[in-house]
Amino acid sequence: MRKCVVAAVCLLFVSSVAQAGPVVPGDIAHDAKWFGHINIEAVHSMEAVQDLRAKMEENDRVKDRMAEMAKKTGVNPAEDLLGVTIYATQYEGDVGVGLFYLKKFDAEKLVAMLKEKHSDVQTSNHGDRVLYTWLVKHRRGEMELTGAIASENLIVIGAGEAEVKAALDVIGGKKDGLEADASLLAAASKNSLFASNAIDVPSDYQKTTKCPVLKKCDAASVNWMEKKGKITAKYEFTTKSEEMANGFKGIIDGAIAMADLRIKKMDAVKKVLDGLKYKAKGNVFSVTWKTTTDDIEAAVKQAMESRRH
């Protein structure tokens, strides 16, 4: 599995280019092994983000760029993108799909832009859906991407035609999707800003992956939540042994000790750091971090002032 494949798809598409903010279980294949979801609608509703967007609106350069992008592509990422889900049914290889949920978009403009940027685009059909396939270059060479318009609010992009066809079958009800109470989605909630989970990590994959977490874990989950200015982050790693879980704890112990030396006189920064709690129990290592947007803003301000002196 190369998670960066789908991440790259997200970045390339959004930089070029309503029904979901929270994750939609039925749109994810029932046999998915990992998923990640960003609730952009929830992120935009945060007061701190709204303040930032208000400042951006005052910047004519940014405002004009967004307007130009919307005119050319039919999508304004800052306004129309509601959420992004990525998932795959296996770990090995260039696999995975990205589901892009939008309030609205102009299909004709998006297709025209794609053909303008990639003259090699090939089209095919899957049922009544048109598939668009093209090549993109990356540091290891080239890879094939396929995209399709699943509905007036949903676009699918994946690592190859087979991945997108399978995803369309799930979305269309021809293949089973996840149930709302599926174990893979246990990390997510309606207040999630970002949630991700990986389960049943194969031992063979652990030997070859460059991911330092999955190399040592059979499962790993993360969930960032926000409610009325209060932020909570939860991480849980099911490691291969009690020794490994304690090893994770040791790493955090060391990092906290080093941080304490640097922030002795930085009360605002220390307050944010004090919200971090973690423990190792058996082969499971878990982390919980609680803070507020106001405290984060104060800590950032104090840290920046400290660097200037």
C-alpha atoms as a PDB file:
ATOM      1  CA  MET A   1       0.000   0.000   0.000  1.00  0.00           C
ATOM      2  CA  ARG A   2       1.209   3.457  -0.798  1.00  0.00           C
ATOM      3  CA  LYS A   3      -1.029   5.896   1.082  1.00  0.00           C
ATOM      4  CA  CYS A   4       0.832   8.741  -0.583  1.00  0.00           C
ATOM      5  CA  VAL A   5      -0.786   7.660  -3.862  1.00  0.00           C
ATOM      6  CA  VAL A   6      -4.225   8.753  -2.740  1.00  0.00           C
ATOM      7  CA  ALA A   7      -2.840  11.735  -0.831  1.00  0.00           C
ATOM      8  CA  ALA A   8      -1.183  12.898  -4.040  1.00  0.00           C
ATOM      9  CA  VAL A   9      -4.459  12.446  -5.888  1.00  0.00           C
ATOM     10  CA  CYS A  10      -6.198  14.671  -3.339  1.00  0.00           C
ATOM     11  CA  LEU A  11      -3.615  17.430  -3.623  1.00  0.00           C
ATOM     12  CA  LEU A  12      -3.403  17.328  -7.404  1.00  0.00           C
ATOM     13  CA  PHE A  13      -7.144  17.336  -7.864  1.00  0.00           C
ATOM     14  CA  VAL A  14      -8.046  20.003  -5.335  1.00  0.00           C
ATOM     15  CA  SER A  15      -5.281  22.301  -6.560  1.00  0.00           C
ATOM     16  CA  SER A  16      -6.644  21.871 -10.102  1.00  0.00           C
ATOM     17  CA  VAL A  17     -10.132  21.893  -9.583  1.00  0.00           C
ATOM     18  CA  ALA A  18     -24.257  18.060  -0.552  1.00  0.00           C
ATOM     19  CA  GLN A  19     -24.289  15.309   1.050  1.00  0.00           C
ATOM     20  CA  ALA A  20     -21.248  14.644   3.159  1.00  0.00           C
ATOM     21  CA  GLY A  21     -19.162  16.352   5.740  1.00  0.00           C
ATOM     22  CA  PRO A  22     -18.957  13.385   8.135  1.00  0.00           C
ATOM     23  CA  VAL A  23     -17.859  10.000   6.807  1.00  0.00           C
ATOM     24  CA  VAL A  24     -20.482   8.060   4.793  1.00  0.00           C
ATOM     25  CA  PRO A  25     -20.133   4.372   5.833  1.00  0.00           C
ATOM     26  CA  GLY A  26     -22.066   2.935   2.882  1.00  0.00           C
ATOM     27  CA  ASP A  27     -19.677   4.545   0.384  1.00  0.00           C
ATOM     28  CA  ILE A  28     -16.703   2.572   1.763  1.00  0.00           C
ATOM     29  CA  ALA A  29     -16.228  -1.056   0.672  1.00  0.00           C
ATOM     30  CA  HIS A  30     -17.228  -3.552   3.359  1.00  0.00           C
ATOM     31  CA  ASP A  31     -13.818  -5.255   3.148  1.00  0.00           C
ATOM     32  CA  ALA A  32     -11.763  -2.051   3.448  1.00  0.00           C
ATOM     33  CA  LYS A  33      -8.604  -2.483   5.523  1.00  0.00           C
ATOM     34  CA  TRP A  34      -7.831   1.170   6.113  1.00  0.00           C
ATOM     35  CA  PHE A  35      -9.523   4.521   5.685  1.00  0.00           C
ATOM     36  CA  GLY A  36      -8.972   8.194   6.368  1.00  0.00           C
ATOM     37  CA  HIS A  37     -11.561  10.985   6.354  1.00  0.00           C
ATOM     38  CA  ILE A  38     -11.312  14.765   6.601  1.00  0.00           C
ATOM     39  CA  ASN A  39     -14.562  16.527   7.462  1.00  0.00           C
ATOM     40  CA  ILE A  40     -13.814  19.814   5.716  1.00  0.00           C
ATOM     41  CA  GLU A  41     -17.283  21.117   6.461  1.00  0.00           C
ATOM     42  CA  ALA A  42     -16.578  20.732  10.201  1.00  0.00           C
ATOM     43  CA  VAL A  43     -13.140  22.311   9.853  1.00  0.00           C
ATOM     44  CA  HIS A  44     -14.685  25.326   8.122  1.00  0.00           C
ATOM     45  CA  SER A  45     -17.225  25.710  10.940  1.00  0.00           C
ATOM     46  CA  MET A  46     -14.480  26.197  13.560  1.00  0.00           C
ATOM     47  CA  GLU A  47     -14.318  29.763  14.837  1.00  0.00           C
ATOM     48  CA  ALA A  48     -10.548  29.958  14.384  1.00  0.00           C
ATOM     49  CA  VAL A  49     -10.846  28.816  10.774  1.00  0.00           C
ATOM     50  CA  GLN A  50     -13.674  31.263  10.121  1.00  0.00           C
ATOM     51  CA  ASP A  51     -11.470  34.079  11.426  1.00  0.00           C
ATOM     52  CA  LEU A  52      -8.658  32.937   9.135  1.00  0.00           C
ATOM     53  CA  ARG A  53     -11.000  32.780   6.152  1.00  0.00           C
ATOM     54  CA  ALA A  54     -12.260  36.271   6.920  1.00  0.00           C
ATOM     55  CA  LYS A  55      -8.692  37.537   6.780  1.00  0.00           C
ATOM     56  CA  MET A  56      -8.147  35.685   3.509  1.00  0.00           C
ATOM     57  CA  GLU A  57     -11.226  37.379   2.080  1.00  0.00           C
ATOM     58  CA  GLU A  58      -9.512  40.702   2.754  1.00  0.00           C
ATOM     59  CA  ASN A  59      -6.530  39.572   0.665  1.00  0.00           C
ATOM     60  CA  ASP A  60      -7.394  40.523  -2.910  1.00  0.00           C
ATOM     61  CA  ARG A  61      -4.722  38.231  -4.327  1.00  0.00           C
ATOM     62  CA  VAL A  62      -6.133  35.132  -2.596  1.00  0.00           C
ATOM     63  CA  LYS A  63      -9.701  36.182  -3.346  1.00  0.00           C
ATOM     64  CA  ASP A  64      -8.935  36.673  -7.041  1.00  0.00           C
ATOM     65  CA  ARG A  65      -7.133  33.339  -7.249  1.00  0.00           C
ATOM     66  CA  MET A  66     -10.093  31.477  -5.781  1.00  0.00           C
ATOM     67  CA  ALA A  67     -12.465  33.275  -8.139  1.00  0.00           C
ATOM     68  CA  GLU A  68     -10.258  32.432 -11.117  1.00  0.00           C
ATOM     69  CA  MET A  69     -10.082  28.776 -10.064  1.00  0.00           C
ATOM     70  CA  ALA A  70     -13.856  28.593  -9.620  1.00  0.00           C
ATOM     71  CA  LYS A  71     -14.414  30.168 -13.034  1.00  0.00           C
ATOM     72  CA  LYS A  72     -12.032  27.771 -14.768  1.00  0.00           C
ATOM     73  CA  THR A  73     -12.865  24.531 -12.978  1.00  0.00           C
ATOM     74  CA  GLY A  74     -16.394  25.073 -11.699  1.00  0.00           C
ATOM     75  CA  VAL A  75     -15.183  24.345  -8.155  1.00  0.00           C
ATOM     76  CA  ASN A  76     -14.162  26.705  -5.375  1.00  0.00           C
ATOM     77  CA  PRO A  77     -12.255  24.438  -2.929  1.00  0.00           C
ATOM     78  CA  ALA A  78     -12.687  26.927  -0.091  1.00  0.00           C
ATOM     79  CA  GLU A  79     -16.480  26.892  -0.480  1.00  0.00           C
ATOM     80  CA  ASP A  80     -17.577  23.738  -2.274  1.00  0.00           C
ATOM     81  CA  LEU A  81     -15.464  20.901  -0.855  1.00  0.00           C
ATOM     82  CA  LEU A  82     -17.290  19.235   2.069  1.00  0.00           C
ATOM     83  CA  GLY A  83     -15.200  16.177   2.832  1.00  0.00           C
ATOM     84  CA  VAL A  84     -12.627  13.719   1.514  1.00  0.00           C
ATOM     85  CA  THR A  85     -12.462   9.987   2.252  1.00  0.00           C
ATOM     86  CA  ILE A  86      -9.640   7.677   1.210  1.00  0.00           C
ATOM     87  CA  TYR A  87      -9.665   3.903   1.634  1.00  0.00           C
ATOM     88  CA  ALA A  88      -8.319   0.623   0.283  1.00  0.00           C
ATOM     89  CA  THR A  89      -9.148  -3.054   0.616  1.00  0.00           C
ATOM     90  CA  GLN A  90      -5.493  -4.089   0.834  1.00  0.00           C
ATOM     91  CA  TYR A  91      -2.105  -2.704   1.828  1.00  0.00           C
ATOM     92  CA  GLU A  92       0.311  -3.799  -0.863  1.00  0.00           C
ATOM     93  CA  GLY A  93       0.788  -1.998  -4.177  1.00  0.00           C
ATOM     94  CA  ASP A  94      -0.549   1.206  -5.713  1.00  0.00           C
ATOM     95  CA  VAL A  95      -4.103   0.916  -4.428  1.00  0.00           C
ATOM     96  CA  GLY A  96      -6.820   3.029  -2.938  1.00  0.00           C
ATOM     97  CA  VAL A  97      -9.486   5.518  -3.924  1.00  0.00           C
ATOM     98  CA  GLY A  98     -10.386   9.041  -2.911  1.00  0.00           C
ATOM     99  CA  LEU A  99     -14.016  10.133  -2.539  1.00  0.00           C
ATOM    100  CA  PHE A 100     -14.483  13.888  -2.915  1.00  0.00           C
ATOM    101  CA  TYR A 101     -17.795  15.248  -1.602  1.00  0.00           C
ATOM    102  CA  LEU A 102     -18.805  18.680  -2.891  1.00  0.00           C
ATOM    103  CA  LYS A 103     -21.743  21.042  -2.606  1.00  0.00           C
ATOM    104  CA  LYS A 104     -21.586  21.609  -6.329  1.00  0.00           C
ATOM    105  CA  PHE A 105     -19.259  21.461  -9.318  1.00  0.00           C
ATOM    106  CA  ASP A 106     -19.341  21.973 -13.067  1.00  0.00           C
ATOM    107  CA  ALA A 107     -18.638  18.575 -14.648  1.00  0.00           C
ATOM    108  CA  GLU A 108     -17.997  19.984 -18.126  1.00  0.00           C
ATOM    109  CA  LYS A 109     -15.414  22.458 -16.844  1.00  0.00           C
ATOM    110  CA  LEU A 110     -13.663  19.811 -14.762  1.00  0.00           C
ATOM    111  CA  VAL A 111     -13.396  17.415 -17.688  1.00  0.00           C
ATOM    112  CA  ALA A 112     -12.208  20.202 -19.994  1.00  0.00           C
ATOM    113  CA  MET A 113      -9.517  21.178 -17.496  1.00  0.00           C
ATOM    114  CA  LEU A 114      -8.394  17.573 -17.105  1.00  0.00           C
ATOM    115  CA  LYS A 115      -8.022  17.159 -20.861  1.00  0.00           C
ATOM    116  CA  GLU A 116      -6.157  20.458 -21.075  1.00  0.00           C
ATOM    117  CA  LYS A 117      -3.646  19.413 -18.415  1.00  0.00           C
ATOM    118  CA  HIS A 118      -3.367  15.781 -19.565  1.00  0.00           C
ATOM    119  CA  SER A 119      -3.573  15.287 -23.305  1.00  0.00           C
ATOM    120  CA  ASP A 120      -3.162  11.538 -22.808  1.00  0.00           C
ATOM    121  CA  VAL A 121      -6.588  11.123 -21.147  1.00  0.00           C
ATOM    122  CA  GLN A 122      -8.395   7.978 -22.245  1.00  0.00           C
ATOM    123  CA  THR A 123     -12.101   7.349 -21.673  1.00  0.00           C
ATOM    124  CA  SER A 124     -14.065   4.156 -21.074  1.00  0.00           C
ATOM    125  CA  ASN A 125     -17.380   3.249 -19.511  1.00  0.00           C
ATOM    126  CA  HIS A 126     -18.534   1.403 -16.438  1.00  0.00           C
ATOM    127  CA  GLY A 127     -22.288   1.083 -16.614  1.00  0.00           C
ATOM    128  CA  ASP A 128     -23.588   4.593 -17.220  1.00  0.00           C
ATOM    129  CA  ARG A 129     -20.442   6.225 -15.766  1.00  0.00           C
ATOM    130  CA  VAL A 130     -17.611   7.588 -17.899  1.00  0.00           C
ATOM    131  CA  LEU A 131     -14.109   6.770 -16.631  1.00  0.00           C
ATOM    132  CA  TYR A 132     -11.186   9.102 -17.333  1.00  0.00           C
ATOM    133  CA  THR A 133      -7.694   7.587 -17.124  1.00  0.00           C
ATOM    134  CA  TRP A 134      -4.381   9.442 -17.332  1.00  0.00           C
ATOM    135  CA  LEU A 135      -0.750   9.205 -16.251  1.00  0.00           C
ATOM    136  CA  VAL A 136       0.961  11.354 -13.624  1.00  0.00           C
ATOM    137  CA  LYS A 137       4.654  11.510 -12.850  1.00  0.00           C
ATOM    138  CA  HIS A 138       6.128  11.143  -9.387  1.00  0.00           C
ATOM    139  CA  ARG A 139       9.583  10.631  -7.967  1.00  0.00           C
ATOM    140  CA  ARG A 140       9.544   6.885  -8.630  1.00  0.00           C
ATOM    141  CA  GLY A 141       8.299   7.197 -12.197  1.00  0.00           C
ATOM    142  CA  GLU A 142       4.732   7.230 -13.501  1.00  0.00           C
ATOM    143  CA  MET A 143       1.432   5.943 -12.242  1.00  0.00           C
ATOM    144  CA  GLU A 144      -2.023   5.618 -13.717  1.00  0.00           C
ATOM    145  CA  LEU A 145      -4.983   7.456 -12.223  1.00  0.00           C
ATOM    146  CA  THR A 146      -8.654   7.035 -13.040  1.00  0.00           C
ATOM    147  CA  GLY A 147     -11.477   9.388 -12.160  1.00  0.00           C
ATOM    148  CA  ALA A 148     -15.261   9.304 -12.477  1.00  0.00           C
ATOM    149  CA  ILE A 149     -18.236  11.460 -11.579  1.00  0.00           C
ATOM    150  CA  ALA A 150     -20.332   9.269  -9.291  1.00  0.00           C
ATOM    151  CA  SER A 151     -23.118  11.795  -8.684  1.00  0.00           C
ATOM    152  CA  GLU A 152     -23.787  15.514  -8.708  1.00  0.00           C
ATOM    153  CA  ASN A 153     -22.032  15.760  -5.336  1.00  0.00           C
ATOM    154  CA  LEU A 154     -19.381  13.035  -5.498  1.00  0.00           C
ATOM    155  CA  ILE A 155     -16.214  12.500  -7.531  1.00  0.00           C
ATOM    156  CA  VAL A 156     -14.092   9.334  -7.303  1.00  0.00           C
ATOM    157  CA  ILE A 157     -10.378   9.211  -8.141  1.00  0.00           C
ATOM    158  CA  GLY A 158      -8.276   6.093  -7.679  1.00  0.00           C
ATOM    159  CA  ALA A 159      -5.062   4.275  -8.465  1.00  0.00           C
ATOM    160  CA  GLY A 160      -6.266   2.612 -11.652  1.00  0.00           C
ATOM    161  CA  GLU A 161      -9.453   1.674 -13.423  1.00  0.00           C
ATOM    162  CA  ALA A 162     -10.196  -1.446 -11.377  1.00  0.00           C
ATOM    163  CA  GLU A 163     -10.106   0.513  -8.099  1.00  0.00           C
ATOM    164  CA  VAL A 164     -12.570   3.118  -9.366  1.00  0.00           C
ATOM    165  CA  LYS A 165     -14.934   0.536 -10.883  1.00  0.00           C
ATOM    166  CA  ALA A 166     -15.100  -1.300  -7.560  1.00  0.00           C
ATOM    167  CA  ALA A 167     -15.711   1.969  -5.693  1.00  0.00           C
ATOM    168  CA  LEU A 168     -18.530   2.937  -8.075  1.00  0.00           C
ATOM    169  CA  ASP A 169     -20.154  -0.457  -7.508  1.00  0.00           C
ATOM    170  CA  VAL A 170     -20.118   0.172  -3.751  1.00  0.00           C
ATOM    171  CA  ILE A 171     -21.558   3.675  -4.124  1.00  0.00           C
ATOM    172  CA  GLY A 172     -24.200   2.361  -6.531  1.00  0.00           C
ATOM    173  CA  GLY A 173     -25.250  -0.444  -4.187  1.00  0.00           C
ATOM    174  CA  LYS A 174     -23.988  -3.306  -6.371  1.00  0.00           C
ATOM    175  CA  LYS A 175     -21.414  -4.212  -3.721  1.00  0.00           C
ATOM    176  CA  ASP A 176     -21.717  -4.012   0.046  1.00  0.00           C
ATOM    177  CA  GLY A 177     -20.513  -0.950   1.903  1.00  0.00           C
ATOM    178  CA  LEU A 178     -19.699  -0.632   5.582  1.00  0.00           C
ATOM    179  CA  GLU A 179     -22.375  -0.581   8.244  1.00  0.00           C
ATOM    180  CA  ALA A 180     -22.470   2.460  10.526  1.00  0.00           C
ATOM    181  CA  ASP A 181     -21.209   0.342  13.450  1.00  0.00           C
ATOM    182  CA  ALA A 182     -18.364  -1.305  11.502  1.00  0.00           C
ATOM    183  CA  SER A 183     -15.216  -1.814  13.576  1.00  0.00           C
ATOM    184  CA  LEU A 184     -13.150   0.051  10.983  1.00  0.00           C
ATOM    185  CA  LEU A 185     -15.155   3.210  11.748  1.00  0.00           C
ATOM    186  CA  ALA A 186     -14.915   2.897  15.530  1.00  0.00           C
ATOM    187  CA  ALA A 187     -12.459   5.798  15.661  1.00  0.00           C
ATOM    188  CA  ALA A 188     -14.821   8.208  13.884  1.00  0.00           C
ATOM    189  CA  SER A 189     -17.670  10.277  15.310  1.00  0.00           C
ATOM    190  CA  LYS A 190     -20.007  13.008  14.069  1.00  0.00           C
ATOM    191  CA  ASN A 191     -17.692  15.573  15.667  1.00  0.00           C
ATOM    192  CA  SER A 192     -14.568  14.240  13.946  1.00  0.00           C
ATOM    193  CA  LEU A 193     -12.421  16.696  12.045  1.00  0.00           C
ATOM    194  CA  PHE A 194     -10.138  13.888  10.928  1.00  0.00           C
ATOM    195  CA  ALA A 195     -10.384  10.155  11.540  1.00  0.00           C
ATOM    196  CA  SER A 196      -8.317   7.247  10.288  1.00  0.00           C
ATOM    197  CA  ASN A 197      -7.994   3.553  11.072  1.00  0.00           C
ATOM    198  CA  ALA A 198      -5.885   0.670   9.813  1.00  0.00           C
ATOM    199  CA  ILE A 199      -6.742  -2.913  10.785  1.00  0.00           C
ATOM    200  CA  ASP A 200      -5.360  -6.393  10.104  1.00  0.00           C
ATOM    201  CA  VAL A 201      -1.957  -5.120   9.012  1.00  0.00           C
ATOM    202  CA  PRO A 202      -0.215  -8.127   7.340  1.00  0.00           C
ATOM    203  CA  SER A 203       3.109  -9.269   8.790  1.00  0.00           C
ATOM    204  CA  ASP A 204       4.656  -9.394   5.308  1.00  0.00           C
ATOM    205  CA  TYR A 205       3.694  -5.761   4.758  1.00  0.00           C
ATOM    206  CA  GLN A 206       5.179  -4.790   8.121  1.00  0.00           C
ATOM    207  CA  LYS A 207       8.547  -6.099   6.906  1.00  0.00           C
ATOM    208  CA  THR A 208       8.603  -3.832   3.848  1.00  0.00           C
ATOM    209  CA  THR A 209       6.648  -0.699   4.758  1.00  0.00           C
ATOM    210  CA  LYS A 210       8.468   2.541   5.486  1.00  0.00           C
ATOM    211  CA  CYS A 211       5.716   3.668   7.842  1.00  0.00           C
ATOM    212  CA  PRO A 212       7.284   3.614  11.343  1.00  0.00           C
ATOM    213  CA  VAL A 213       3.895   3.020  12.997  1.00  0.00           C
ATOM    214  CA  LEU A 214       2.487   0.213  10.850  1.00  0.00           C
ATOM    215  CA  LYS A 215       5.883  -1.492  10.869  1.00  0.00           C
ATOM    216  CA  LYS A 216       5.283  -2.224  14.545  1.00  0.00           C
ATOM    217  CA  CYS A 217       1.497  -2.264  14.793  1.00  0.00           C
ATOM    218  CA  ASP A 218      -1.251  -4.709  13.830  1.00  0.00           C
ATOM    219  CA  ALA A 219      -3.786  -1.855  13.986  1.00  0.00           C
ATOM    220  CA  ALA A 220      -3.698   1.920  14.457  1.00  0.00           C
ATOM    221  CA  SER A 221      -6.379   4.581  14.755  1.00  0.00           C
ATOM    222  CA  VAL A 222      -6.602   8.343  15.168  1.00  0.00           C
ATOM    223  CA  ASN A 223      -9.514  10.706  15.742  1.00  0.00           C
ATOM    224  CA  TRP A 224      -9.411  14.507  16.007  1.00  0.00           C
ATOM    225  CA  MET A 225     -12.602  16.135  17.270  1.00  0.00           C
ATOM    226  CA  GLU A 226     -13.799  19.677  17.939  1.00  0.00           C
ATOM    227  CA  LYS A 227     -16.866  20.863  19.815  1.00  0.00           C
ATOM    228  CA  LYS A 228     -17.517  24.439  20.904  1.00  0.00           C
ATOM    229  CA  GLY A 229     -13.839  25.345  20.748  1.00  0.00           C
ATOM    230  CA  LYS A 230     -12.645  22.241  22.613  1.00  0.00           C
ATOM    231  CA  ILE A 231     -10.302  19.936  20.689  1.00  0.00           C
ATOM    232  CA  THR A 232      -9.648  16.288  21.520  1.00  0.00           C
ATOM    233  CA  ALA A 233      -7.228  13.996  19.737  1.00  0.00           C
ATOM    234  CA  LYS A 234      -7.156  10.245  20.370  1.00  0.00           C
ATOM    235  CA  TYR A 235      -4.568   7.764  19.100  1.00  0.00           C
ATOM    236  CA  GLU A 236      -4.511   4.030  19.720  1.00  0.00           C
ATOM    237  CA  PHE A 237      -1.817   1.627  18.527  1.00  0.00           C
ATOM    238  CA  THR A 238      -2.159  -2.132  18.867  1.00  0.00           C
ATOM    239  CA  THR A 239       1.491  -3.184  18.785  1.00  0.00           C
ATOM    240  CA  LYS A 240       2.987  -6.623  18.342  1.00  0.00           C
ATOM    241  CA  SER A 241       4.068  -6.919  21.963  1.00  0.00           C
ATOM    242  CA  GLU A 242       3.983  -5.323  25.403  1.00  0.00           C
ATOM    243  CA  GLU A 243       7.632  -4.387  24.912  1.00  0.00           C
ATOM    244  CA  MET A 244       6.802  -2.412  21.770  1.00  0.00           C
ATOM    245  CA  ALA A 245       3.956  -0.583  23.510  1.00  0.00           C
ATOM    246  CA  ASN A 246       6.335   0.440  26.280  1.00  0.00           C
ATOM    247  CA  GLY A 247       8.813   1.480  23.595  1.00  0.00           C
ATOM    248  CA  PHE A 248       6.271   3.943  22.179  1.00  0.00           C
ATOM    249  CA  LYS A 249       5.721   5.288  25.695  1.00  0.00           C
ATOM    250  CA  GLY A 250       9.459   5.711  26.148  1.00  0.00           C
ATOM    251  CA  ILE A 251       9.687   7.783  22.978  1.00  0.00           C
ATOM    252  CA  ILE A 252       6.963  10.154  24.223  1.00  0.00           C
ATOM    253  CA  ASP A 253       8.570  10.306  27.683  1.00  0.00           C
ATOM    254  CA  GLY A 254      11.795  11.481  26.075  1.00  0.00           C
ATOM    255  CA  ALA A 255      10.097  14.003  23.834  1.00  0.00           C
ATOM    256  CA  ILE A 256       8.139  15.486  26.765  1.00  0.00           C
ATOM    257  CA  ALA A 257      11.302  15.747  28.889  1.00  0.00           C
ATOM    258  CA  MET A 258      13.114  17.624  26.122  1.00  0.00           C
ATOM    259  CA  ALA A 259      10.129  19.911  25.562  1.00  0.00           C
ATOM    260  CA  ASP A 260       9.889  20.729  29.278  1.00  0.00           C
ATOM    261  CA  LEU A 261      13.456  22.046  29.215  1.00  0.00           C
ATOM    262  CA  ARG A 262      12.592  24.481  26.425  1.00  0.00           C
ATOM    263  CA  ILE A 263       9.260  25.790  27.712  1.00  0.00           C
ATOM    264  CA  LYS A 264       9.889  26.368  31.426  1.00  0.00           C
ATOM    265  CA  LYS A 265       8.949  30.036  31.166  1.00  0.00           C
ATOM    266  CA  MET A 266       6.310  29.605  28.436  1.00  0.00           C
ATOM    267  CA  ASP A 267       3.124  29.118  30.447  1.00  0.00           C
ATOM    268  CA  ALA A 268       0.777  29.187  27.448  1.00  0.00           C
ATOM    269  CA  VAL A 269       2.782  26.532  25.597  1.00  0.00           C
ATOM    270  CA  LYS A 270       3.078  24.410  28.725  1.00  0.00           C
ATOM    271  CA  LYS A 271      -0.702  24.556  29.250  1.00  0.00           C
ATOM    272  CA  VAL A 272      -1.274  23.062  25.798  1.00  0.00           C
ATOM    273  CA  LEU A 273       1.362  20.390  26.383  1.00  0.00           C
ATOM    274  CA  ASP A 274      -0.160  19.492  29.764  1.00  0.00           C
ATOM    275  CA  GLY A 275      -3.291  18.351  27.921  1.00  0.00           C
ATOM    276  CA  LEU A 276      -1.355  15.349  26.594  1.00  0.00           C
ATOM    277  CA  LYS A 277      -1.996  12.044  28.392  1.00  0.00           C
ATOM    278  CA  TYR A 278      -0.666   8.641  27.335  1.00  0.00           C
ATOM    279  CA  LYS A 279      -0.221   5.111  28.596  1.00  0.00           C
ATOM    280  CA  ALA A 280       0.868   1.613  27.639  1.00  0.00           C
ATOM    281  CA  LYS A 281      -1.400  -1.245  28.709  1.00  0.00           C
ATOM    282  CA  GLY A 282      -0.425  -4.703  27.543  1.00  0.00           C
ATOM    283  CA  ASN A 283       0.380  -4.430  23.840  1.00  0.00           C
ATOM    284  CA  VAL A 284      -1.751  -1.280  23.359  1.00  0.00           C
ATOM    285  CA  PHE A 285      -0.339   2.237  23.465  1.00  0.00           C
ATOM    286  CA  SER A 286      -2.868   5.086  23.591  1.00  0.00           C
ATOM    287  CA  VAL A 287      -2.626   8.868  23.552  1.00  0.00           C
ATOM    288  CA  THR A 288      -5.243  11.508  24.347  1.00  0.00           C
ATOM    289  CA  TRP A 289      -4.682  15.237  23.910  1.00  0.00           C
ATOM    290  CA  LYS A 290      -7.220  17.826  25.065  1.00  0.00           C
ATOM    291  CA  THR A 291      -6.955  21.560  24.505  1.00  0.00           C
ATOM    292  CA  THR A 292      -8.929  24.514  23.175  1.00  0.00           C
ATOM    293  CA  THR A 293      -8.569  26.679  20.097  1.00  0.00           C
ATOM    294  CA  ASP A 294      -7.992  29.693  22.384  1.00  0.00           C
ATOM    295  CA  ASP A 295      -5.160  27.920  24.198  1.00  0.00           C
ATOM    296  CA  ILE A 296      -3.555  26.876  20.922  1.00  0.00           C
ATOM    297  CA  GLU A 297      -3.749  30.448  19.630  1.00  0.00           C
ATOM    298  CA  ALA A 298      -2.136  31.747  22.832  1.00  0.00           C
ATOM    299  CA  ALA A 299       0.597  29.090  22.692  1.00  0.00           C
ATOM    300  CA  VAL A 300       1.429  29.856  19.061  1.00  0.00           C
ATOM    301  CA  LYS A 301       1.594  33.573  19.830  1.00  0.00           C
ATOM    302  CA  GLN A 302       3.892  32.991  22.802  1.00  0.00           C
ATOM    303  CA  ALA A 303       6.139  30.635  20.830  1.00  0.00           C
ATOM    304  CA  MET A 304       6.490  33.165  18.001  1.00  0.00           C
ATOM    305  CA  GLU A 305       7.303  35.962  20.440  1.00  0.00           C
ATOM    306  CA  SER A 306       9.910  33.742  22.093  1.00  0.00           C
ATOM    307  CA  ARG A 307      11.637  33.129  18.760  1.00  0.00           C
ATOM    308  CA  ARG A 308      11.902  36.857  18.111  1.00  0.00           C
ATOM    309  CA  HIS A 309      13.865  37.405  21.353  1.00  0.00           C
END
